[in-house]
Amino acid sequence: MKCLRTNRGGGFCNNELLQYCKYYGVRRQLTAAYTPQQNGVVEHKKRTLANMIRSMLKTKGLSNNDWFEAIRTTIYILNRCPTYILDGITILRRGMIKD
């Protein structure tokens, strides 16, 4: 991950996350205040990820200890799915992420 775009909610604005991003060289972008349009995108993506992760864990009968691996797998899958915003190609084909 190269960039983490989040809203200014308390869950994303803490010292632990800031230190993690600095350590791994992840650039942080915060959406502008009072712009529900931007926050909606973040919230929708967060909800999509959480739903996929919970579905994976439940389907395979895994415990919450496997949450991190489920996150990695979910992001791996989403990065390889064609998207409307990229005219039906994947992020990998667009060259935004190195495989």
Protein backbone atom coordinates (compact mmCIF):
# COMPACT_ATOMS: atom_id res chain seq x y z
CA MET A 1 0.00 0.00 0.00
CA LYS A 2 1.38 3.36 -0.99
CA CYS A 3 -1.38 5.72 0.11
CA LEU A 4 -4.15 5.59 2.71
CA ARG A 5 -7.05 7.98 2.14
CA THR A 6 -9.39 8.32 5.11
CA ASN A 7 -11.92 10.65 6.57
CA ARG A 8 -11.12 12.61 9.71
CA GLY A 9 -12.97 10.21 12.00
CA GLY A 10 -11.46 9.19 15.30
CA GLY A 11 -10.79 5.66 14.12
CA PHE A 12 -8.28 6.87 11.56
CA CYS A 13 -6.64 9.76 13.40
CA ASN A 14 -4.53 8.16 16.09
CA ASN A 15 -0.84 8.04 16.85
CA GLU A 16 -0.53 4.28 16.35
CA LEU A 17 -1.79 4.47 12.75
CA LEU A 18 0.38 7.52 12.08
CA GLN A 19 3.50 5.69 13.31
CA TYR A 20 2.59 2.61 11.27
CA CYS A 21 2.24 4.68 8.09
CA LYS A 22 5.53 6.48 8.73
CA TYR A 23 7.38 3.22 9.38
CA TYR A 24 6.15 1.57 6.17
CA GLY A 25 6.28 4.70 4.03
CA VAL A 26 2.53 4.88 3.49
CA ARG A 27 1.37 8.35 2.48
CA ARG A 28 -1.77 9.51 4.29
CA GLN A 29 -4.46 11.63 2.70
CA LEU A 30 -7.32 13.04 4.75
CA THR A 31 -10.51 14.11 3.02
CA ALA A 32 -11.54 17.73 3.32
CA ALA A 33 -13.70 18.67 6.27
CA TYR A 34 -17.44 19.01 5.69
CA THR A 35 -17.39 17.19 2.35
CA PRO A 36 -19.75 14.24 2.69
CA GLN A 37 -19.11 13.42 -0.98
CA GLN A 38 -15.52 12.46 -0.16
CA ASN A 39 -16.40 10.78 3.11
CA GLY A 40 -19.04 8.72 1.35
CA VAL A 41 -16.41 7.13 -0.88
CA VAL A 42 -14.23 6.27 2.11
CA GLU A 43 -17.14 4.93 4.12
CA HIS A 44 -18.40 2.85 1.19
CA LYS A 45 -14.96 1.32 0.61
CA LYS A 46 -14.56 0.60 4.33
CA ARG A 47 -17.99 -1.06 4.43
CA THR A 48 -17.20 -3.11 1.31
CA LEU A 49 -13.90 -4.32 2.80
CA ALA A 50 -15.47 -5.15 6.17
CA ASN A 51 -18.31 -7.09 4.51
CA MET A 52 -15.91 -9.09 2.35
CA ILE A 53 -13.65 -9.84 5.31
CA ARG A 54 -16.51 -10.98 7.54
CA SER A 55 -17.88 -13.11 4.71
CA MET A 56 -14.51 -14.81 4.18
CA LEU A 57 -14.03 -15.50 7.88
CA LYS A 58 -17.54 -16.86 8.35
CA THR A 59 -17.59 -18.97 5.17
CA LYS A 60 -14.35 -20.71 6.09
CA GLY A 61 -15.15 -20.92 9.80
CA LEU A 62 -12.10 -18.89 10.80
CA SER A 63 -11.66 -16.91 13.98
CA ASN A 64 -11.11 -13.18 14.30
CA ASN A 65 -7.40 -13.96 14.78
CA ASP A 66 -7.26 -14.40 11.00
CA TRP A 67 -8.62 -10.87 10.38
CA PHE A 68 -5.30 -9.46 9.13
CA GLU A 69 -4.83 -12.22 6.55
CA ALA A 70 -8.44 -11.75 5.43
CA ILE A 71 -7.74 -8.02 4.93
CA ARG A 72 -4.69 -8.80 2.80
CA THR A 73 -6.66 -11.31 0.73
CA THR A 74 -9.59 -8.93 0.24
CA ILE A 75 -7.34 -6.10 -0.94
CA TYR A 76 -5.48 -8.53 -3.23
CA ILE A 77 -8.79 -9.54 -4.82
CA LEU A 78 -10.14 -5.98 -5.14
CA ASN A 79 -6.92 -4.76 -6.78
CA ARG A 80 -7.40 -7.39 -9.48
CA CYS A 81 -11.06 -6.63 -10.23
CA PRO A 82 -11.97 -4.33 -13.12
CA THR A 83 -13.50 -1.05 -12.01
CA TYR A 84 -15.85 1.45 -13.57
CA ILE A 85 -13.63 4.41 -12.69
CA LEU A 86 -10.71 2.87 -14.62
CA ASP A 87 -12.83 2.06 -17.70
CA GLY A 88 -13.16 -1.61 -16.84
CA ILE A 89 -9.48 -2.42 -16.30
CA THR A 90 -7.73 -3.44 -13.12
CA ILE A 91 -5.47 -1.26 -11.01
CA LEU A 92 -2.61 -3.62 -11.84
CA ARG A 93 -3.07 -3.25 -15.60
CA ARG A 94 -3.23 0.53 -15.18
CA GLY A 95 0.22 0.37 -13.57
CA MET A 96 -0.88 1.94 -10.29
CA ILE A 97 0.34 -1.04 -8.25
CA LYS A 98 3.28 -3.33 -8.81
CA ASP A 99 2.41 -7.01 -8.54
